[in-house]
Amino acid sequence: ATLGAGWPAPRWYFWADAWIFMGSLLAT
C-alpha cells in the first residue's frame, strides 16, 4: 500500500496481492 500510494486502488487490492505473495512463498 505504501509503495502504491500514488496509484489509485482499493485497500482490498493490496490485501489480495499480499496474500498471493505470502501464500506463494509458503507453498514453495
mmCIF file of all heavy atoms, coordinates in Angstrom:
data_MODEL
# 
_entry.id   MODEL 
# 
loop_
_atom_site.group_PDB 
_atom_site.id 
_atom_site.type_symbol 
_atom_site.label_atom_id 
_atom_site.label_alt_id 
_atom_site.label_comp_id 
_atom_site.label_asym_id 
_atom_site.label_entity_id 
_atom_site.label_seq_id 
_atom_site.pdbx_PDB_ins_code 
_atom_site.Cartn_x 
_atom_site.Cartn_y 
_atom_site.Cartn_z 
_atom_site.occupancy 
_atom_site.B_iso_or_equiv 
_atom_site.pdbx_formal_charge 
_atom_site.auth_seq_id 
_atom_site.auth_comp_id 
_atom_site.auth_asym_id 
_atom_site.auth_atom_id 
_atom_site.pdbx_PDB_model_num 
ATOM 1   N N   . ALA A 1 1  ? 0.834   -1.206  0.000   1.00 0.00 ? 1  ALA A N   1 
ATOM 2   C CA  . ALA A 1 1  ? 0.000   0.000   0.000   1.00 0.00 ? 1  ALA A CA  1 
ATOM 3   C C   . ALA A 1 1  ? 0.867   1.253   0.000   1.00 0.00 ? 1  ALA A C   1 
ATOM 4   O O   . ALA A 1 1  ? 0.551   2.251   -0.649  1.00 0.00 ? 1  ALA A O   1 
ATOM 5   C CB  . ALA A 1 1  ? -0.925  -0.006  1.205   1.00 0.00 ? 1  ALA A CB  1 
ATOM 6   N N   . THR A 1 2  ? 1.980   1.200   0.729   1.00 0.00 ? 2  THR A N   1 
ATOM 7   C CA  . THR A 1 2  ? 2.890   2.341   0.778   1.00 0.00 ? 2  THR A CA  1 
ATOM 8   C C   . THR A 1 2  ? 3.580   2.547   -0.563  1.00 0.00 ? 2  THR A C   1 
ATOM 9   O O   . THR A 1 2  ? 3.692   3.666   -1.068  1.00 0.00 ? 2  THR A O   1 
ATOM 10  C CB  . THR A 1 2  ? 3.960   2.130   1.871   1.00 0.00 ? 2  THR A CB  1 
ATOM 11  O OG1 . THR A 1 2  ? 3.306   1.980   3.139   1.00 0.00 ? 2  THR A OG1 1 
ATOM 12  C CG2 . THR A 1 2  ? 4.911   3.312   1.933   1.00 0.00 ? 2  THR A CG2 1 
ATOM 13  N N   . LEU A 1 3  ? 4.032   1.434   -1.161  1.00 0.00 ? 3  LEU A N   1 
ATOM 14  C CA  . LEU A 1 3  ? 4.685   1.518   -2.468  1.00 0.00 ? 3  LEU A CA  1 
ATOM 15  C C   . LEU A 1 3  ? 3.724   2.016   -3.539  1.00 0.00 ? 3  LEU A C   1 
ATOM 16  O O   . LEU A 1 3  ? 4.126   2.721   -4.461  1.00 0.00 ? 3  LEU A O   1 
ATOM 17  C CB  . LEU A 1 3  ? 5.229   0.137   -2.865  1.00 0.00 ? 3  LEU A CB  1 
ATOM 18  C CG  . LEU A 1 3  ? 6.411   -0.396  -2.050  1.00 0.00 ? 3  LEU A CG  1 
ATOM 19  C CD1 . LEU A 1 3  ? 6.751   -1.814  -2.479  1.00 0.00 ? 3  LEU A CD1 1 
ATOM 20  C CD2 . LEU A 1 3  ? 7.623   0.505   -2.209  1.00 0.00 ? 3  LEU A CD2 1 
ATOM 21  N N   . GLY A 1 4  ? 2.463   1.652   -3.413  1.00 0.00 ? 4  GLY A N   1 
ATOM 22  C CA  . GLY A 1 4  ? 1.476   2.044   -4.418  1.00 0.00 ? 4  GLY A CA  1 
ATOM 23  C C   . GLY A 1 4  ? 0.641   3.239   -4.019  1.00 0.00 ? 4  GLY A C   1 
ATOM 24  O O   . GLY A 1 4  ? -0.463  3.430   -4.536  1.00 0.00 ? 4  GLY A O   1 
ATOM 25  N N   . ALA A 1 5  ? 1.171   4.057   -3.108  1.00 0.00 ? 5  ALA A N   1 
ATOM 26  C CA  . ALA A 1 5  ? 0.402   5.203   -2.596  1.00 0.00 ? 5  ALA A CA  1 
ATOM 27  C C   . ALA A 1 5  ? -0.033  6.155   -3.705  1.00 0.00 ? 5  ALA A C   1 
ATOM 28  O O   . ALA A 1 5  ? -1.096  6.767   -3.618  1.00 0.00 ? 5  ALA A O   1 
ATOM 29  C CB  . ALA A 1 5  ? 1.231   5.952   -1.551  1.00 0.00 ? 5  ALA A CB  1 
ATOM 30  N N   . GLY A 1 6  ? 0.773   6.267   -4.745  1.00 0.00 ? 6  GLY A N   1 
ATOM 31  C CA  . GLY A 1 6  ? 0.426   7.181   -5.828  1.00 0.00 ? 6  GLY A CA  1 
ATOM 32  C C   . GLY A 1 6  ? -0.437  6.550   -6.900  1.00 0.00 ? 6  GLY A C   1 
ATOM 33  O O   . GLY A 1 6  ? -0.774  7.207   -7.892  1.00 0.00 ? 6  GLY A O   1 
ATOM 34  N N   . TRP A 1 7  ? -0.785  5.306   -6.710  1.00 0.00 ? 7  TRP A N   1 
ATOM 35  C CA  . TRP A 1 7  ? -1.604  4.604   -7.698  1.00 0.00 ? 7  TRP A CA  1 
ATOM 36  C C   . TRP A 1 7  ? -2.963  4.288   -7.094  1.00 0.00 ? 7  TRP A C   1 
ATOM 37  O O   . TRP A 1 7  ? -3.041  3.618   -6.061  1.00 0.00 ? 7  TRP A O   1 
ATOM 38  C CB  . TRP A 1 7  ? -0.908  3.307   -8.122  1.00 0.00 ? 7  TRP A CB  1 
ATOM 39  C CG  . TRP A 1 7  ? -1.673  2.524   -9.144  1.00 0.00 ? 7  TRP A CG  1 
ATOM 40  C CD1 . TRP A 1 7  ? -1.868  2.829   -10.451 1.00 0.00 ? 7  TRP A CD1 1 
ATOM 41  C CD2 . TRP A 1 7  ? -2.376  1.288   -8.932  1.00 0.00 ? 7  TRP A CD2 1 
ATOM 42  N NE1 . TRP A 1 7  ? -2.618  1.886   -11.073 1.00 0.00 ? 7  TRP A NE1 1 
ATOM 43  C CE2 . TRP A 1 7  ? -2.948  0.917   -10.154 1.00 0.00 ? 7  TRP A CE2 1 
ATOM 44  C CE3 . TRP A 1 7  ? -2.554  0.471   -7.809  1.00 0.00 ? 7  TRP A CE3 1 
ATOM 45  C CZ2 . TRP A 1 7  ? -3.706  -0.232  -10.300 1.00 0.00 ? 7  TRP A CZ2 1 
ATOM 46  C CZ3 . TRP A 1 7  ? -3.303  -0.671  -7.967  1.00 0.00 ? 7  TRP A CZ3 1 
ATOM 47  C CH2 . TRP A 1 7  ? -3.863  -1.024  -9.195  1.00 0.00 ? 7  TRP A CH2 1 
ATOM 48  N N   . PRO A 1 8  ? -4.051  4.774   -7.661  1.00 0.00 ? 8  PRO A N   1 
ATOM 49  C CA  . PRO A 1 8  ? -5.379  4.591   -7.059  1.00 0.00 ? 8  PRO A CA  1 
ATOM 50  C C   . PRO A 1 8  ? -5.841  3.132   -7.089  1.00 0.00 ? 8  PRO A C   1 
ATOM 51  O O   . PRO A 1 8  ? -5.985  2.534   -8.148  1.00 0.00 ? 8  PRO A O   1 
ATOM 52  C CB  . PRO A 1 8  ? -6.279  5.469   -7.933  1.00 0.00 ? 8  PRO A CB  1 
ATOM 53  C CG  . PRO A 1 8  ? -5.575  5.524   -9.257  1.00 0.00 ? 8  PRO A CG  1 
ATOM 54  C CD  . PRO A 1 8  ? -4.111  5.518   -8.926  1.00 0.00 ? 8  PRO A CD  1 
ATOM 55  N N   . ALA A 1 9  ? -6.042  2.574   -5.924  1.00 0.00 ? 9  ALA A N   1 
ATOM 56  C CA  . ALA A 1 9  ? -6.511  1.189   -5.813  1.00 0.00 ? 9  ALA A CA  1 
ATOM 57  C C   . ALA A 1 9  ? -7.230  1.014   -4.491  1.00 0.00 ? 9  ALA A C   1 
ATOM 58  O O   . ALA A 1 9  ? -6.834  1.620   -3.484  1.00 0.00 ? 9  ALA A O   1 
ATOM 59  C CB  . ALA A 1 9  ? -5.341  0.212   -5.899  1.00 0.00 ? 9  ALA A CB  1 
ATOM 60  N N   . PRO A 1 10 ? -8.298  0.220   -4.466  1.00 0.00 ? 10 PRO A N   1 
ATOM 61  C CA  . PRO A 1 10 ? -8.981  -0.047  -3.196  1.00 0.00 ? 10 PRO A CA  1 
ATOM 62  C C   . PRO A 1 10 ? -8.085  -0.843  -2.265  1.00 0.00 ? 10 PRO A C   1 
ATOM 63  O O   . PRO A 1 10 ? -7.170  -1.555  -2.702  1.00 0.00 ? 10 PRO A O   1 
ATOM 64  C CB  . PRO A 1 10 ? -10.208 -0.859  -3.630  1.00 0.00 ? 10 PRO A CB  1 
ATOM 65  C CG  . PRO A 1 10 ? -9.810  -1.480  -4.940  1.00 0.00 ? 10 PRO A CG  1 
ATOM 66  C CD  . PRO A 1 10 ? -8.925  -0.480  -5.604  1.00 0.00 ? 10 PRO A CD  1 
ATOM 67  N N   . ARG A 1 11 ? -8.341  -0.729  -0.978  1.00 0.00 ? 11 ARG A N   1 
ATOM 68  C CA  . ARG A 1 11 ? -7.470  -1.384  0.010   1.00 0.00 ? 11 ARG A CA  1 
ATOM 69  C C   . ARG A 1 11 ? -7.451  -2.897  -0.155  1.00 0.00 ? 11 ARG A C   1 
ATOM 70  O O   . ARG A 1 11 ? -6.418  -3.543  0.065   1.00 0.00 ? 11 ARG A O   1 
ATOM 71  C CB  . ARG A 1 11 ? -7.954  -1.022  1.421   1.00 0.00 ? 11 ARG A CB  1 
ATOM 72  C CG  . ARG A 1 11 ? -6.986  -1.423  2.525   1.00 0.00 ? 11 ARG A CG  1 
ATOM 73  C CD  . ARG A 1 11 ? -5.706  -0.628  2.441   1.00 0.00 ? 11 ARG A CD  1 
ATOM 74  N NE  . ARG A 1 11 ? -4.750  -1.003  3.479   1.00 0.00 ? 11 ARG A NE  1 
ATOM 75  C CZ  . ARG A 1 11 ? -3.636  -0.350  3.723   1.00 0.00 ? 11 ARG A CZ  1 
ATOM 76  N NH1 . ARG A 1 11 ? -3.319  0.715   3.024   1.00 0.00 ? 11 ARG A NH1 1 
ATOM 77  N NH2 . ARG A 1 11 ? -2.812  -0.755  4.675   1.00 0.00 ? 11 ARG A NH2 1 
ATOM 78  N N   . TRP A 1 12 ? -8.568  -3.487  -0.563  1.00 0.00 ? 12 TRP A N   1 
ATOM 79  C CA  . TRP A 1 12 ? -8.622  -4.933  -0.686  1.00 0.00 ? 12 TRP A CA  1 
ATOM 80  C C   . TRP A 1 12 ? -7.603  -5.443  -1.707  1.00 0.00 ? 12 TRP A C   1 
ATOM 81  O O   . TRP A 1 12 ? -7.130  -6.582  -1.632  1.00 0.00 ? 12 TRP A O   1 
ATOM 82  C CB  . TRP A 1 12 ? -10.018 -5.406  -1.087  1.00 0.00 ? 12 TRP A CB  1 
ATOM 83  C CG  . TRP A 1 12 ? -10.498 -4.923  -2.433  1.00 0.00 ? 12 TRP A CG  1 
ATOM 84  C CD1 . TRP A 1 12 ? -11.341 -3.881  -2.682  1.00 0.00 ? 12 TRP A CD1 1 
ATOM 85  C CD2 . TRP A 1 12 ? -10.150 -5.465  -3.726  1.00 0.00 ? 12 TRP A CD2 1 
ATOM 86  N NE1 . TRP A 1 12 ? -11.537 -3.733  -4.038  1.00 0.00 ? 12 TRP A NE1 1 
ATOM 87  C CE2 . TRP A 1 12 ? -10.825 -4.697  -4.706  1.00 0.00 ? 12 TRP A CE2 1 
ATOM 88  C CE3 . TRP A 1 12 ? -9.340  -6.524  -4.138  1.00 0.00 ? 12 TRP A CE3 1 
ATOM 89  C CZ2 . TRP A 1 12 ? -10.717 -4.944  -6.065  1.00 0.00 ? 12 TRP A CZ2 1 
ATOM 90  C CZ3 . TRP A 1 12 ? -9.211  -6.779  -5.501  1.00 0.00 ? 12 TRP A CZ3 1 
ATOM 91  C CH2 . TRP A 1 12 ? -9.912  -5.995  -6.450  1.00 0.00 ? 12 TRP A CH2 1 
ATOM 92  N N   . TYR A 1 13 ? -7.277  -4.572  -2.670  1.00 0.00 ? 13 TYR A N   1 
ATOM 93  C CA  . TYR A 1 13 ? -6.326  -4.952  -3.717  1.00 0.00 ? 13 TYR A CA  1 
ATOM 94  C C   . TYR A 1 13 ? -4.975  -5.331  -3.110  1.00 0.00 ? 13 TYR A C   1 
ATOM 95  O O   . TYR A 1 13 ? -4.376  -6.343  -3.475  1.00 0.00 ? 13 TYR A O   1 
ATOM 96  C CB  . TYR A 1 13 ? -6.177  -3.782  -4.684  1.00 0.00 ? 13 TYR A CB  1 
ATOM 97  C CG  . TYR A 1 13 ? -5.172  -3.990  -5.795  1.00 0.00 ? 13 TYR A CG  1 
ATOM 98  C CD1 . TYR A 1 13 ? -5.568  -4.513  -7.025  1.00 0.00 ? 13 TYR A CD1 1 
ATOM 99  C CD2 . TYR A 1 13 ? -3.824  -3.655  -5.628  1.00 0.00 ? 13 TYR A CD2 1 
ATOM 100 C CE1 . TYR A 1 13 ? -4.655  -4.708  -8.050  1.00 0.00 ? 13 TYR A CE1 1 
ATOM 101 C CE2 . TYR A 1 13 ? -2.913  -3.847  -6.637  1.00 0.00 ? 13 TYR A CE2 1 
ATOM 102 C CZ  . TYR A 1 13 ? -3.323  -4.370  -7.855  1.00 0.00 ? 13 TYR A CZ  1 
ATOM 103 O OH  . TYR A 1 13 ? -2.419  -4.568  -8.857  1.00 0.00 ? 13 TYR A OH  1 
ATOM 104 N N   . PHE A 1 14 ? -4.526  -4.514  -2.156  1.00 0.00 ? 14 PHE A N   1 
ATOM 105 C CA  . PHE A 1 14 ? -3.226  -4.773  -1.545  1.00 0.00 ? 14 PHE A CA  1 
ATOM 106 C C   . PHE A 1 14 ? -3.270  -5.972  -0.602  1.00 0.00 ? 14 PHE A C   1 
ATOM 107 O O   . PHE A 1 14 ? -2.286  -6.696  -0.467  1.00 0.00 ? 14 PHE A O   1 
ATOM 108 C CB  . PHE A 1 14 ? -2.734  -3.521  -0.817  1.00 0.00 ? 14 PHE A CB  1 
ATOM 109 C CG  . PHE A 1 14 ? -2.561  -2.335  -1.728  1.00 0.00 ? 14 PHE A CG  1 
ATOM 110 C CD1 . PHE A 1 14 ? -3.441  -1.272  -1.681  1.00 0.00 ? 14 PHE A CD1 1 
ATOM 111 C CD2 . PHE A 1 14 ? -1.534  -2.301  -2.662  1.00 0.00 ? 14 PHE A CD2 1 
ATOM 112 C CE1 . PHE A 1 14 ? -3.288  -0.176  -2.530  1.00 0.00 ? 14 PHE A CE1 1 
ATOM 113 C CE2 . PHE A 1 14 ? -1.371  -1.222  -3.521  1.00 0.00 ? 14 PHE A CE2 1 
ATOM 114 C CZ  . PHE A 1 14 ? -2.253  -0.159  -3.452  1.00 0.00 ? 14 PHE A CZ  1 
ATOM 115 N N   . TRP A 1 15 ? -4.413  -6.183  0.058   1.00 0.00 ? 15 TRP A N   1 
ATOM 116 C CA  . TRP A 1 15 ? -4.570  -7.374  0.895   1.00 0.00 ? 15 TRP A CA  1 
ATOM 117 C C   . TRP A 1 15 ? -4.503  -8.636  0.028   1.00 0.00 ? 15 TRP A C   1 
ATOM 118 O O   . TRP A 1 15 ? -3.846  -9.619  0.385   1.00 0.00 ? 15 TRP A O   1 
ATOM 119 C CB  . TRP A 1 15 ? -5.893  -7.334  1.652   1.00 0.00 ? 15 TRP A CB  1 
ATOM 120 C CG  . TRP A 1 15 ? -5.886  -6.444  2.854   1.00 0.00 ? 15 TRP A CG  1 
ATOM 121 C CD1 . TRP A 1 15 ? -6.385  -5.173  2.951   1.00 0.00 ? 15 TRP A CD1 1 
ATOM 122 C CD2 . TRP A 1 15 ? -5.354  -6.753  4.150   1.00 0.00 ? 15 TRP A CD2 1 
ATOM 123 N NE1 . TRP A 1 15 ? -6.184  -4.673  4.211   1.00 0.00 ? 15 TRP A NE1 1 
ATOM 124 C CE2 . TRP A 1 15 ? -5.562  -5.615  4.976   1.00 0.00 ? 15 TRP A CE2 1 
ATOM 125 C CE3 . TRP A 1 15 ? -4.715  -7.856  4.698   1.00 0.00 ? 15 TRP A CE3 1 
ATOM 126 C CZ2 . TRP A 1 15 ? -5.163  -5.569  6.312   1.00 0.00 ? 15 TRP A CZ2 1 
ATOM 127 C CZ3 . TRP A 1 15 ? -4.313  -7.820  6.027   1.00 0.00 ? 15 TRP A CZ3 1 
ATOM 128 C CH2 . TRP A 1 15 ? -4.533  -6.697  6.817   1.00 0.00 ? 15 TRP A CH2 1 
ATOM 129 N N   . ALA A 1 16 ? -5.191  -8.590  -1.115  1.00 0.00 ? 16 ALA A N   1 
ATOM 130 C CA  . ALA A 1 16 ? -5.195  -9.748  -2.010  1.00 0.00 ? 16 ALA A CA  1 
ATOM 131 C C   . ALA A 1 16 ? -3.796  -10.019 -2.560  1.00 0.00 ? 16 ALA A C   1 
ATOM 132 O O   . ALA A 1 16 ? -3.326  -11.165 -2.606  1.00 0.00 ? 16 ALA A O   1 
ATOM 133 C CB  . ALA A 1 16 ? -6.175  -9.515  -3.170  1.00 0.00 ? 16 ALA A CB  1 
ATOM 134 N N   . ASP A 1 17 ? -3.113  -8.950  -2.978  1.00 0.00 ? 17 ASP A N   1 
ATOM 135 C CA  . ASP A 1 17 ? -1.770  -9.111  -3.520  1.00 0.00 ? 17 ASP A CA  1 
ATOM 136 C C   . ASP A 1 17 ? -0.813  -9.627  -2.456  1.00 0.00 ? 17 ASP A C   1 
ATOM 137 O O   . ASP A 1 17 ? 0.094   -10.430 -2.730  1.00 0.00 ? 17 ASP A O   1 
ATOM 138 C CB  . ASP A 1 17 ? -1.284  -7.768  -4.069  1.00 0.00 ? 17 ASP A CB  1 
ATOM 139 C CG  . ASP A 1 17 ? -0.302  -7.933  -5.227  1.00 0.00 ? 17 ASP A CG  1 
ATOM 140 O OD1 . ASP A 1 17 ? -0.199  -9.054  -5.764  1.00 0.00 ? 17 ASP A OD1 1 
ATOM 141 O OD2 . ASP A 1 17 ? 0.362   -6.945  -5.597  1.00 0.00 ? 17 ASP A OD2 1 
ATOM 142 N N   . ALA A 1 18 ? -1.016  -9.175  -1.202  1.00 0.00 ? 18 ALA A N   1 
ATOM 143 C CA  . ALA A 1 18 ? -0.166  -9.635  -0.099  1.00 0.00 ? 18 ALA A CA  1 
ATOM 144 C C   . ALA A 1 18 ? -0.377  -11.118 0.169   1.00 0.00 ? 18 ALA A C   1 
ATOM 145 O O   . ALA A 1 18 ? 0.575   -11.853 0.460   1.00 0.00 ? 18 ALA A O   1 
ATOM 146 C CB  . ALA A 1 18 ? -0.452  -8.821  1.160   1.00 0.00 ? 18 ALA A CB  1 
ATOM 147 N N   . TRP A 1 19 ? -1.629  -11.576 0.104   1.00 0.00 ? 19 TRP A N   1 
ATOM 148 C CA  . TRP A 1 19 ? -1.897  -12.999 0.320   1.00 0.00 ? 19 TRP A CA  1 
ATOM 149 C C   . TRP A 1 19 ? -1.255  -13.853 -0.778  1.00 0.00 ? 19 TRP A C   1 
ATOM 150 O O   . TRP A 1 19 ? -0.672  -14.904 -0.510  1.00 0.00 ? 19 TRP A O   1 
ATOM 151 C CB  . TRP A 1 19 ? -3.393  -13.276 0.373   1.00 0.00 ? 19 TRP A CB  1 
ATOM 152 C CG  . TRP A 1 19 ? -3.704  -14.732 0.157   1.00 0.00 ? 19 TRP A CG  1 
ATOM 153 C CD1 . TRP A 1 19 ? -4.439  -15.268 -0.853  1.00 0.00 ? 19 TRP A CD1 1 
ATOM 154 C CD2 . TRP A 1 19 ? -3.256  -15.852 0.953   1.00 0.00 ? 19 TRP A CD2 1 
ATOM 155 N NE1 . TRP A 1 19 ? -4.475  -16.644 -0.755  1.00 0.00 ? 19 TRP A NE1 1 
ATOM 156 C CE2 . TRP A 1 19 ? -3.758  -17.025 0.342   1.00 0.00 ? 19 TRP A CE2 1 
ATOM 157 C CE3 . TRP A 1 19 ? -2.478  -15.961 2.103   1.00 0.00 ? 19 TRP A CE3 1 
ATOM 158 C CZ2 . TRP A 1 19 ? -3.504  -18.294 0.867   1.00 0.00 ? 19 TRP A CZ2 1 
ATOM 159 C CZ3 . TRP A 1 19 ? -2.216  -17.233 2.612   1.00 0.00 ? 19 TRP A CZ3 1 
ATOM 160 C CH2 . TRP A 1 19 ? -2.734  -18.378 1.995   1.00 0.00 ? 19 TRP A CH2 1 
ATOM 161 N N   . ILE A 1 20 ? -1.345  -13.378 -2.024  1.00 0.00 ? 20 ILE A N   1 
ATOM 162 C CA  . ILE A 1 20 ? -0.718  -14.106 -3.121  1.00 0.00 ? 20 ILE A CA  1 
ATOM 163 C C   . ILE A 1 20 ? 0.791   -14.206 -2.885  1.00 0.00 ? 20 ILE A C   1 
ATOM 164 O O   . ILE A 1 20 ? 1.401   -15.260 -3.086  1.00 0.00 ? 20 ILE A O   1 
ATOM 165 C CB  . ILE A 1 20 ? -0.999  -13.400 -4.459  1.00 0.00 ? 20 ILE A CB  1 
ATOM 166 C CG1 . ILE A 1 20 ? -2.492  -13.488 -4.787  1.00 0.00 ? 20 ILE A CG1 1 
ATOM 167 C CG2 . ILE A 1 20 ? -0.177  -14.016 -5.585  1.00 0.00 ? 20 ILE A CG2 1 
ATOM 168 C CD1 . ILE A 1 20 ? -2.894  -12.665 -5.988  1.00 0.00 ? 20 ILE A CD1 1 
ATOM 169 N N   . PHE A 1 21 ? 1.380   -13.091 -2.445  1.00 0.00 ? 21 PHE A N   1 
ATOM 170 C CA  . PHE A 1 21 ? 2.808   -13.045 -2.179  1.00 0.00 ? 21 PHE A CA  1 
ATOM 171 C C   . PHE A 1 21 ? 3.208   -14.040 -1.092  1.00 0.00 ? 21 PHE A C   1 
ATOM 172 O O   . PHE A 1 21 ? 4.072   -14.897 -1.282  1.00 0.00 ? 21 PHE A O   1 
ATOM 173 C CB  . PHE A 1 21 ? 3.203   -11.619 -1.775  1.00 0.00 ? 21 PHE A CB  1 
ATOM 174 C CG  . PHE A 1 21 ? 4.655   -11.451 -1.430  1.00 0.00 ? 21 PHE A CG  1 
ATOM 175 C CD1 . PHE A 1 21 ? 5.598   -11.266 -2.434  1.00 0.00 ? 21 PHE A CD1 1 
ATOM 176 C CD2 . PHE A 1 21 ? 5.085   -11.461 -0.112  1.00 0.00 ? 21 PHE A CD2 1 
ATOM 177 C CE1 . PHE A 1 21 ? 6.945   -11.107 -2.113  1.00 0.00 ? 21 PHE A CE1 1 
ATOM 178 C CE2 . PHE A 1 21 ? 6.418   -11.299 0.214   1.00 0.00 ? 21 PHE A CE2 1 
ATOM 179 C CZ  . PHE A 1 21 ? 7.346   -11.122 -0.799  1.00 0.00 ? 21 PHE A CZ  1 
ATOM 180 N N   . MET A 1 22 ? 2.559   -13.940 0.079   1.00 0.00 ? 22 MET A N   1 
ATOM 181 C CA  . MET A 1 22 ? 2.915   -14.798 1.207   1.00 0.00 ? 22 MET A CA  1 
ATOM 182 C C   . MET A 1 22 ? 2.540   -16.250 0.945   1.00 0.00 ? 22 MET A C   1 
ATOM 183 O O   . MET A 1 22 ? 3.299   -17.170 1.256   1.00 0.00 ? 22 MET A O   1 
ATOM 184 C CB  . MET A 1 22 ? 2.226   -14.312 2.483   1.00 0.00 ? 22 MET A CB  1 
ATOM 185 C CG  . MET A 1 22 ? 2.820   -13.053 3.069   1.00 0.00 ? 22 MET A CG  1 
ATOM 186 S SD  . MET A 1 22 ? 4.593   -13.189 3.441   1.00 0.00 ? 22 MET A SD  1 
ATOM 187 C CE  . MET A 1 22 ? 4.626   -14.626 4.532   1.00 0.00 ? 22 MET A CE  1 
ATOM 188 N N   . GLY A 1 23 ? 1.362   -16.463 0.390   1.00 0.00 ? 23 GLY A N   1 
ATOM 189 C CA  . GLY A 1 23 ? 0.929   -17.829 0.110   1.00 0.00 ? 23 GLY A CA  1 
ATOM 190 C C   . GLY A 1 23 ? 1.859   -18.535 -0.852  1.00 0.00 ? 23 GLY A C   1 
ATOM 191 O O   . GLY A 1 23 ? 2.174   -19.720 -0.676  1.00 0.00 ? 23 GLY A O   1 
ATOM 192 N N   . SER A 1 24 ? 2.330   -17.806 -1.858  1.00 0.00 ? 24 SER A N   1 
ATOM 193 C CA  . SER A 1 24 ? 3.243   -18.392 -2.836  1.00 0.00 ? 24 SER A CA  1 
ATOM 194 C C   . SER A 1 24 ? 4.566   -18.792 -2.191  1.00 0.00 ? 24 SER A C   1 
ATOM 195 O O   . SER A 1 24 ? 5.105   -19.863 -2.462  1.00 0.00 ? 24 SER A O   1 
ATOM 196 C CB  . SER A 1 24 ? 3.497   -17.395 -3.970  1.00 0.00 ? 24 SER A CB  1 
ATOM 197 O OG  . SER A 1 24 ? 2.302   -17.073 -4.640  1.00 0.00 ? 24 SER A OG  1 
ATOM 198 N N   . LEU A 1 25 ? 5.080   -17.918 -1.325  1.00 0.00 ? 25 LEU A N   1 
ATOM 199 C CA  . LEU A 1 25 ? 6.338   -18.225 -0.649  1.00 0.00 ? 25 LEU A CA  1 
ATOM 200 C C   . LEU A 1 25 ? 6.192   -19.432 0.264   1.00 0.00 ? 25 LEU A C   1 
ATOM 201 O O   . LEU A 1 25 ? 7.046   -20.325 0.289   1.00 0.00 ? 25 LEU A O   1 
ATOM 202 C CB  . LEU A 1 25 ? 6.811   -17.015 0.159   1.00 0.00 ? 25 LEU A CB  1 
ATOM 203 C CG  . LEU A 1 25 ? 7.264   -15.791 -0.619  1.00 0.00 ? 25 LEU A CG  1 
ATOM 204 C CD1 . LEU A 1 25 ? 7.808   -14.730 0.333   1.00 0.00 ? 25 LEU A CD1 1 
ATOM 205 C CD2 . LEU A 1 25 ? 8.326   -16.154 -1.650  1.00 0.00 ? 25 LEU A CD2 1 
ATOM 206 N N   . LEU A 1 26 ? 5.102   -19.457 1.035   1.00 0.00 ? 26 LEU A N   1 
ATOM 207 C CA  . LEU A 1 26 ? 4.890   -20.562 1.966   1.00 0.00 ? 26 LEU A CA  1 
ATOM 208 C C   . LEU A 1 26 ? 4.652   -21.875 1.222   1.00 0.00 ? 26 LEU A C   1 
ATOM 209 O O   . LEU A 1 26 ? 5.105   -22.935 1.661   1.00 0.00 ? 26 LEU A O   1 
ATOM 210 C CB  . LEU A 1 26 ? 3.711   -20.250 2.886   1.00 0.00 ? 26 LEU A CB  1 
ATOM 211 C CG  . LEU A 1 26 ? 3.952   -19.094 3.874   1.00 0.00 ? 26 LEU A CG  1 
ATOM 212 C CD1 . LEU A 1 26 ? 2.678   -18.803 4.663   1.00 0.00 ? 26 LEU A CD1 1 
ATOM 213 C CD2 . LEU A 1 26 ? 5.095   -19.432 4.826   1.00 0.00 ? 26 LEU A CD2 1 
ATOM 214 N N   . ALA A 1 27 ? 3.953   -21.805 0.097   1.00 0.00 ? 27 ALA A N   1 
ATOM 215 C CA  . ALA A 1 27 ? 3.722   -23.013 -0.696  1.00 0.00 ? 27 ALA A CA  1 
ATOM 216 C C   . ALA A 1 27 ? 5.043   -23.556 -1.238  1.00 0.00 ? 27 ALA A C   1 
ATOM 217 O O   . ALA A 1 27 ? 5.285   -24.769 -1.219  1.00 0.00 ? 27 ALA A O   1 
ATOM 218 C CB  . ALA A 1 27 ? 2.763   -22.711 -1.850  1.00 0.00 ? 27 ALA A CB  1 
ATOM 219 N N   . THR A 1 28 ? 5.907   -22.656 -1.718  1.00 0.00 ? 28 THR A N   1 
ATOM 220 C CA  . THR A 1 28 ? 7.198   -23.086 -2.243  1.00 0.00 ? 28 THR A CA  1 
ATOM 221 C C   . THR A 1 28 ? 8.054   -23.699 -1.147  1.00 0.00 ? 28 THR A C   1 
ATOM 222 O O   . THR A 1 28 ? 8.736   -24.712 -1.358  1.00 0.00 ? 28 THR A O   1 
ATOM 223 C CB  . THR A 1 28 ? 7.933   -21.894 -2.888  1.00 0.00 ? 28 THR A CB  1 
ATOM 224 O OG1 . THR A 1 28 ? 7.077   -21.280 -3.861  1.00 0.00 ? 28 THR A OG1 1 
ATOM 225 C CG2 . THR A 1 28 ? 9.212   -22.365 -3.579  1.00 0.00 ? 28 THR A CG2 1 
# 
